[in-house]
Every structure is written in C-alpha cells, then in structure tokens.
Amino acid sequence: MAARVIKRAPTNVILEEQLMREKKVKVKVIDRWSVVHDGKRHVKGDELTVPEDVADEWERNHWVERVSSKS
C-alpha cells in the first residue's frame, strides 16, 4: 500500500494588517440630489469623505462631483 500525502490549503482568514487601506475621496453633492452615508443624509452643497468605490458609483449616477485638493 502506497502512502498518500495530503496537503491542507491555507486558512481562509484575513488578518487586520493584511487588509488594504481603503482610499477615501472627498465629494460634493450636486444639483437637486441627496445621498445617505453612514446613516446621515447629505444634500446639495454638502461635502463629505467616502470610500472610493462609493464615490465612483455616485459619480456614475451624477449625484456628486469630486472635490479637488487644490480648492
């Protein structure tokens, strides 16, 4: 009888230090829109900082515009 070697896959655990830091983006609510982030409503003219993926989605829907760092 031959011996079989069984290898275990690495654990499926992500340690805190392994997490990528999420890039934050500053956006400004435009036109007649309002957005909700972390349970708080923001209306036209409000500036807030959100994760980049959220900012990208809101920009695609024309709810916000990015605030340049030079302003």
PDB file of N, CA and C in Angstrom:
ATOM      1  N   MET A   1       0.852  -1.170   0.000  1.00  0.00           N
ATOM      2  CA  MET A   1       0.000   0.000   0.000  1.00  0.00           C
ATOM      3  C   MET A   1       0.900   1.235   0.000  1.00  0.00           C
ATOM      4  N   ALA A   2       0.621   2.177  -0.891  1.00  0.00           N
ATOM      5  CA  ALA A   2       1.413   3.403  -1.014  1.00  0.00           C
ATOM      6  C   ALA A   2       0.862   4.469  -0.079  1.00  0.00           C
ATOM      7  N   ALA A   3       1.753   5.278   0.405  1.00  0.00           N
ATOM      8  CA  ALA A   3       1.334   6.376   1.287  1.00  0.00           C
ATOM      9  C   ALA A   3       0.926   7.577   0.440  1.00  0.00           C
ATOM     10  N   ARG A   4      -0.126   8.259   0.865  1.00  0.00           N
ATOM     11  CA  ARG A   4      -0.578   9.476   0.187  1.00  0.00           C
ATOM     12  C   ARG A   4      -0.281  10.677   1.068  1.00  0.00           C
ATOM     13  N   VAL A   5       0.172  11.704   0.446  1.00  0.00           N
ATOM     14  CA  VAL A   5       0.422  12.945   1.179  1.00  0.00           C
ATOM     15  C   VAL A   5      -0.731  13.890   0.883  1.00  0.00           C
ATOM     16  N   ILE A   6      -1.373  14.304   1.926  1.00  0.00           N
ATOM     17  CA  ILE A   6      -2.492  15.236   1.779  1.00  0.00           C
ATOM     18  C   ILE A   6      -2.037  16.599   2.295  1.00  0.00           C
ATOM     19  N   LYS A   7      -2.110  17.568   1.410  1.00  0.00           N
ATOM     20  CA  LYS A   7      -1.718  18.916   1.812  1.00  0.00           C
ATOM     21  C   LYS A   7      -2.977  19.708   2.134  1.00  0.00           C
ATOM     22  N   ARG A   8      -2.875  20.500   3.179  1.00  0.00           N
ATOM     23  CA  ARG A   8      -4.007  21.334   3.561  1.00  0.00           C
ATOM     24  C   ARG A   8      -3.864  22.700   2.908  1.00  0.00           C
ATOM     25  N   ALA A   9      -4.963  23.232   2.476  1.00  0.00           N
ATOM     26  CA  ALA A   9      -4.965  24.580   1.888  1.00  0.00           C
ATOM     27  C   ALA A   9      -4.758  25.592   3.010  1.00  0.00           C
ATOM     28  N   PRO A  10      -4.185  26.745   2.688  1.00  0.00           N
ATOM     29  CA  PRO A  10      -4.016  27.763   3.720  1.00  0.00           C
ATOM     30  C   PRO A  10      -5.376  28.180   4.263  1.00  0.00           C
ATOM     31  N   THR A  11      -5.372  28.614   5.498  1.00  0.00           N
ATOM     32  CA  THR A  11      -6.640  29.012   6.111  1.00  0.00           C
ATOM     33  C   THR A  11      -7.223  30.205   5.380  1.00  0.00           C
ATOM     34  N   ASN A  12      -8.508  30.288   5.408  1.00  0.00           N
ATOM     35  CA  ASN A  12      -9.236  31.341   4.718  1.00  0.00           C
ATOM     36  C   ASN A  12      -9.519  32.484   5.688  1.00  0.00           C
ATOM     37  N   VAL A  13      -8.462  33.005   6.287  1.00  0.00           N
ATOM     38  CA  VAL A  13      -8.593  34.063   7.277  1.00  0.00           C
ATOM     39  C   VAL A  13      -7.778  35.257   6.825  1.00  0.00           C
ATOM     40  N   ILE A  14      -8.368  36.429   6.928  1.00  0.00           N
ATOM     41  CA  ILE A  14      -7.649  37.653   6.587  1.00  0.00           C
ATOM     42  C   ILE A  14      -7.369  38.386   7.889  1.00  0.00           C
ATOM     43  N   LEU A  15      -6.099  38.619   8.128  1.00  0.00           N
ATOM     44  CA  LEU A  15      -5.719  39.336   9.326  1.00  0.00           C
ATOM     45  C   LEU A  15      -5.856  40.838   9.090  1.00  0.00           C
ATOM     46  N   GLU A  16      -6.079  41.573  10.163  1.00  0.00           N
ATOM     47  CA  GLU A  16      -6.319  43.006  10.042  1.00  0.00           C
ATOM     48  C   GLU A  16      -5.186  43.723   9.304  1.00  0.00           C
ATOM     49  N   GLU A  17      -3.950  43.356   9.586  1.00  0.00           N
ATOM     50  CA  GLU A  17      -2.837  44.035   8.931  1.00  0.00           C
ATOM     51  C   GLU A  17      -2.737  43.687   7.451  1.00  0.00           C
ATOM     52  N   GLN A  18      -3.436  42.637   7.009  1.00  0.00           N
ATOM     53  CA  GLN A  18      -3.420  42.252   5.610  1.00  0.00           C
ATOM     54  C   GLN A  18      -4.456  43.017   4.789  1.00  0.00           C
ATOM     55  N   LEU A  19      -5.398  43.628   5.456  1.00  0.00           N
ATOM     56  CA  LEU A  19      -6.429  44.367   4.745  1.00  0.00           C
ATOM     57  C   LEU A  19      -5.832  45.593   4.076  1.00  0.00           C
ATOM     58  N   MET A  20      -6.257  45.837   2.867  1.00  0.00           N
ATOM     59  CA  MET A  20      -5.784  47.040   2.196  1.00  0.00           C
ATOM     60  C   MET A  20      -6.508  48.240   2.791  1.00  0.00           C
ATOM     61  N   ARG A  21      -5.778  49.283   2.983  1.00  0.00           N
ATOM     62  CA  ARG A  21      -6.402  50.503   3.468  1.00  0.00           C
ATOM     63  C   ARG A  21      -7.265  51.056   2.343  1.00  0.00           C
ATOM     64  N   GLU A  22      -8.515  51.334   2.693  1.00  0.00           N
ATOM     65  CA  GLU A  22      -9.461  51.813   1.713  1.00  0.00           C
ATOM     66  C   GLU A  22      -9.214  53.292   1.436  1.00  0.00           C
ATOM     67  N   LYS A  23      -9.046  53.638   0.174  1.00  0.00           N
ATOM     68  CA  LYS A  23      -8.786  55.022  -0.195  1.00  0.00           C
ATOM     69  C   LYS A  23     -10.062  55.837  -0.020  1.00  0.00           C
ATOM     70  N   LYS A  24      -9.922  56.991   0.598  1.00  0.00           N
ATOM     71  CA  LYS A  24     -11.064  57.880   0.820  1.00  0.00           C
ATOM     72  C   LYS A  24     -11.021  59.019  -0.185  1.00  0.00           C
ATOM     73  N   VAL A  25     -12.196  59.472  -0.596  1.00  0.00           N
ATOM     74  CA  VAL A  25     -12.323  60.532  -1.582  1.00  0.00           C
ATOM     75  C   VAL A  25     -13.307  61.561  -1.058  1.00  0.00           C
ATOM     76  N   LYS A  26     -12.997  62.832  -1.271  1.00  0.00           N
ATOM     77  CA  LYS A  26     -13.894  63.904  -0.864  1.00  0.00           C
ATOM     78  C   LYS A  26     -14.788  64.260  -2.046  1.00  0.00           C
ATOM     79  N   VAL A  27     -16.099  64.280  -1.795  1.00  0.00           N
ATOM     80  CA  VAL A  27     -17.071  64.586  -2.838  1.00  0.00           C
ATOM     81  C   VAL A  27     -18.027  65.672  -2.365  1.00  0.00           C
ATOM     82  N   LYS A  28     -18.704  66.285  -3.335  1.00  0.00           N
ATOM     83  CA  LYS A  28     -19.682  67.329  -3.051  1.00  0.00           C
ATOM     84  C   LYS A  28     -20.987  66.951  -3.739  1.00  0.00           C
ATOM     85  N   VAL A  29     -22.095  66.991  -2.998  1.00  0.00           N
ATOM     86  CA  VAL A  29     -23.406  66.657  -3.545  1.00  0.00           C
ATOM     87  C   VAL A  29     -23.814  67.777  -4.500  1.00  0.00           C
ATOM     88  N   ILE A  30     -24.302  67.405  -5.680  1.00  0.00           N
ATOM     89  CA  ILE A  30     -24.650  68.396  -6.693  1.00  0.00           C
ATOM     90  C   ILE A  30     -26.131  68.373  -7.047  1.00  0.00           C
ATOM     91  N   ASP A  31     -26.529  69.428  -7.737  1.00  0.00           N
ATOM     92  CA  ASP A  31     -27.866  69.584  -8.304  1.00  0.00           C
ATOM     93  C   ASP A  31     -28.946  69.415  -7.239  1.00  0.00           C
ATOM     94  N   ARG A  32     -29.959  68.659  -7.541  1.00  0.00           N
ATOM     95  CA  ARG A  32     -31.103  68.502  -6.627  1.00  0.00           C
ATOM     96  C   ARG A  32     -31.035  67.213  -5.808  1.00  0.00           C
ATOM     97  N   TRP A  33     -29.883  66.552  -5.814  1.00  0.00           N
ATOM     98  CA  TRP A  33     -29.758  65.230  -5.214  1.00  0.00           C
ATOM     99  C   TRP A  33     -29.442  65.280  -3.731  1.00  0.00           C
ATOM    100  N   SER A  34     -29.718  64.164  -3.087  1.00  0.00           N
ATOM    101  CA  SER A  34     -29.251  63.937  -1.719  1.00  0.00           C
ATOM    102  C   SER A  34     -28.746  62.498  -1.670  1.00  0.00           C
ATOM    103  N   VAL A  35     -27.777  62.270  -0.803  1.00  0.00           N
ATOM    104  CA  VAL A  35     -27.214  60.934  -0.633  1.00  0.00           C
ATOM    105  C   VAL A  35     -27.181  60.614   0.855  1.00  0.00           C
ATOM    106  N   VAL A  36     -27.170  59.333   1.178  1.00  0.00           N
ATOM    107  CA  VAL A  36     -27.089  58.896   2.565  1.00  0.00           C
ATOM    108  C   VAL A  36     -25.819  58.088   2.735  1.00  0.00           C
ATOM    109  N   HIS A  37     -25.009  58.481   3.727  1.00  0.00           N
ATOM    110  CA  HIS A  37     -23.785  57.753   4.023  1.00  0.00           C
ATOM    111  C   HIS A  37     -23.661  57.633   5.532  1.00  0.00           C
ATOM    112  N   ASP A  38     -23.433  56.420   6.013  1.00  0.00           N
ATOM    113  CA  ASP A  38     -23.344  56.126   7.451  1.00  0.00           C
ATOM    114  C   ASP A  38     -24.563  56.631   8.201  1.00  0.00           C
ATOM    115  N   GLY A  39     -25.734  56.488   7.573  1.00  0.00           N
ATOM    116  CA  GLY A  39     -26.984  56.845   8.226  1.00  0.00           C
ATOM    117  C   GLY A  39     -27.284  58.338   8.282  1.00  0.00           C
ATOM    118  N   LYS A  40     -26.472  59.151   7.624  1.00  0.00           N
ATOM    119  CA  LYS A  40     -26.677  60.593   7.649  1.00  0.00           C
ATOM    120  C   LYS A  40     -26.960  61.077   6.228  1.00  0.00           C
ATOM    121  N   ARG A  41     -27.992  61.921   6.102  1.00  0.00           N
ATOM    122  CA  ARG A  41     -28.391  62.445   4.797  1.00  0.00           C
ATOM    123  C   ARG A  41     -27.581  63.695   4.477  1.00  0.00           C
ATOM    124  N   HIS A  42     -27.117  63.773   3.230  1.00  0.00           N
ATOM    125  CA  HIS A  42     -26.358  64.925   2.758  1.00  0.00           C
ATOM    126  C   HIS A  42     -27.062  65.478   1.527  1.00  0.00           C
ATOM    127  N   VAL A  43     -27.215  66.812   1.461  1.00  0.00           N
ATOM    128  CA  VAL A  43     -27.952  67.451   0.379  1.00  0.00           C
ATOM    129  C   VAL A  43     -27.025  68.345  -0.445  1.00  0.00           C
ATOM    130  N   LYS A  44     -27.588  68.978  -1.474  1.00  0.00           N
ATOM    131  CA  LYS A  44     -26.837  69.830  -2.401  1.00  0.00           C
ATOM    132  C   LYS A  44     -25.881  70.764  -1.663  1.00  0.00           C
ATOM    133  N   GLY A  45     -24.617  70.730  -2.078  1.00  0.00           N
ATOM    134  CA  GLY A  45     -23.605  71.602  -1.500  1.00  0.00           C
ATOM    135  C   GLY A  45     -22.818  70.984  -0.363  1.00  0.00           C
ATOM    136  N   ASP A  46     -23.314  69.901   0.234  1.00  0.00           N
ATOM    137  CA  ASP A  46     -22.598  69.238   1.330  1.00  0.00           C
ATOM    138  C   ASP A  46     -21.361  68.529   0.778  1.00  0.00           C
ATOM    139  N   GLU A  47     -20.262  68.615   1.513  1.00  0.00           N
ATOM    140  CA  GLU A  47     -19.044  67.892   1.172  1.00  0.00           C
ATOM    141  C   GLU A  47     -18.825  66.806   2.211  1.00  0.00           C
ATOM    142  N   LEU A  48     -18.441  65.630   1.747  1.00  0.00           N
ATOM    143  CA  LEU A  48     -18.191  64.524   2.657  1.00  0.00           C
ATOM    144  C   LEU A  48     -17.108  63.630   2.093  1.00  0.00           C
ATOM    145  N   THR A  49     -16.506  62.841   2.945  1.00  0.00           N
ATOM    146  CA  THR A  49     -15.457  61.911   2.546  1.00  0.00           C
ATOM    147  C   THR A  49     -16.013  60.497   2.612  1.00  0.00           C
ATOM    148  N   VAL A  50     -15.894  59.783   1.493  1.00  0.00           N
ATOM    149  CA  VAL A  50     -16.430  58.430   1.379  1.00  0.00           C
ATOM    150  C   VAL A  50     -15.387  57.521   0.749  1.00  0.00           C
ATOM    151  N   PRO A  51     -15.541  56.201   0.881  1.00  0.00           N
ATOM    152  CA  PRO A  51     -14.636  55.273   0.195  1.00  0.00           C
ATOM    153  C   PRO A  51     -14.704  55.481  -1.318  1.00  0.00           C
ATOM    154  N   GLU A  52     -13.594  55.215  -1.994  1.00  0.00           N
ATOM    155  CA  GLU A  52     -13.505  55.481  -3.429  1.00  0.00           C
ATOM    156  C   GLU A  52     -14.559  54.727  -4.234  1.00  0.00           C
ATOM    157  N   ASP A  53     -14.875  53.485  -3.866  1.00  0.00           N
ATOM    158  CA  ASP A  53     -15.874  52.735  -4.632  1.00  0.00           C
ATOM    159  C   ASP A  53     -17.262  53.373  -4.531  1.00  0.00           C
ATOM    160  N   VAL A  54     -17.587  53.938  -3.372  1.00  0.00           N
ATOM    161  CA  VAL A  54     -18.865  54.640  -3.200  1.00  0.00           C
ATOM    162  C   VAL A  54     -18.871  55.904  -4.044  1.00  0.00           C
ATOM    163  N   ALA A  55     -17.769  56.658  -3.998  1.00  0.00           N
ATOM    164  CA  ALA A  55     -17.661  57.889  -4.788  1.00  0.00           C
ATOM    165  C   ALA A  55     -17.805  57.592  -6.280  1.00  0.00           C
ATOM    166  N   ASP A  56     -17.179  56.509  -6.743  1.00  0.00           N
ATOM    167  CA  ASP A  56     -17.272  56.139  -8.153  1.00  0.00           C
ATOM    168  C   ASP A  56     -18.719  55.872  -8.563  1.00  0.00           C
ATOM    169  N   GLU A  57     -19.449  55.133  -7.742  1.00  0.00           N
ATOM    170  CA  GLU A  57     -20.848  54.827  -8.045  1.00  0.00           C
ATOM    171  C   GLU A  57     -21.689  56.096  -8.064  1.00  0.00           C
ATOM    172  N   TRP A  58     -21.500  56.953  -7.084  1.00  0.00           N
ATOM    173  CA  TRP A  58     -22.265  58.198  -7.014  1.00  0.00           C
ATOM    174  C   TRP A  58     -21.953  59.108  -8.197  1.00  0.00           C
ATOM    175  N   GLU A  59     -20.688  59.131  -8.615  1.00  0.00           N
ATOM    176  CA  GLU A  59     -20.316  59.945  -9.786  1.00  0.00           C
ATOM    177  C   GLU A  59     -20.972  59.403 -11.059  1.00  0.00           C
ATOM    178  N   ARG A  60     -20.994  58.093 -11.213  1.00  0.00           N
ATOM    179  CA  ARG A  60     -21.631  57.489 -12.394  1.00  0.00           C
ATOM    180  C   ARG A  60     -23.104  57.875 -12.479  1.00  0.00           C
ATOM    181  N   ASN A  61     -23.729  58.043 -11.329  1.00  0.00           N
ATOM    182  CA  ASN A  61     -25.150  58.402 -11.287  1.00  0.00           C
ATOM    183  C   ASN A  61     -25.372  59.914 -11.280  1.00  0.00           C
ATOM    184  N   HIS A  62     -24.280  60.672 -11.338  1.00  0.00           N
ATOM    185  CA  HIS A  62     -24.335  62.142 -11.387  1.00  0.00           C
ATOM    186  C   HIS A  62     -24.979  62.745 -10.145  1.00  0.00           C
ATOM    187  N   TRP A  63     -24.707  62.149  -8.979  1.00  0.00           N
ATOM    188  CA  TRP A  63     -25.217  62.671  -7.721  1.00  0.00           C
ATOM    189  C   TRP A  63     -24.204  63.566  -7.039  1.00  0.00           C
ATOM    190  N   VAL A  64     -22.911  63.320  -7.309  1.00  0.00           N
ATOM    191  CA  VAL A  64     -21.825  64.072  -6.665  1.00  0.00           C
ATOM    192  C   VAL A  64     -20.748  64.402  -7.686  1.00  0.00           C
ATOM    193  N   GLU A  65     -19.850  65.300  -7.272  1.00  0.00           N
ATOM    194  CA  GLU A  65     -18.635  65.547  -8.038  1.00  0.00           C
ATOM    195  C   GLU A  65     -17.476  65.509  -7.049  1.00  0.00           C
ATOM    196  N   ARG A  66     -16.313  65.090  -7.530  1.00  0.00           N
ATOM    197  CA  ARG A  66     -15.127  65.047  -6.665  1.00  0.00           C
ATOM    198  C   ARG A  66     -14.670  66.456  -6.363  1.00  0.00           C
ATOM    199  N   VAL A  67     -14.199  66.639  -5.155  1.00  0.00           N
ATOM    200  CA  VAL A  67     -13.648  67.917  -4.753  1.00  0.00           C
ATOM    201  C   VAL A  67     -12.140  67.836  -4.934  1.00  0.00           C
ATOM    202  N   SER A  68     -11.603  68.736  -5.738  1.00  0.00           N
ATOM    203  CA  SER A  68     -10.155  68.697  -5.971  1.00  0.00           C
ATOM    204  C   SER A  68      -9.425  69.165  -4.716  1.00  0.00           C
ATOM    205  N   SER A  69      -8.228  68.663  -4.542  1.00  0.00           N
ATOM    206  CA  SER A  69      -7.449  69.001  -3.360  1.00  0.00           C
ATOM    207  C   SER A  69      -6.869  70.416  -3.454  1.00  0.00           C
ATOM    208  N   LYS A  70      -6.949  71.028  -4.636  1.00  0.00           N
ATOM    209  CA  LYS A  70      -6.417  72.375  -4.837  1.00  0.00           C
ATOM    210  C   LYS A  70      -7.416  73.461  -4.468  1.00  0.00           C
ATOM    211  N   SER A  71      -8.662  73.102  -4.201  1.00  0.00           N
ATOM    212  CA  SER A  71      -9.682  74.105  -3.880  1.00  0.00           C
ATOM    213  C   SER A  71      -9.509  74.663  -2.497  1.00  0.00           C
TER     214      SER A  71
END
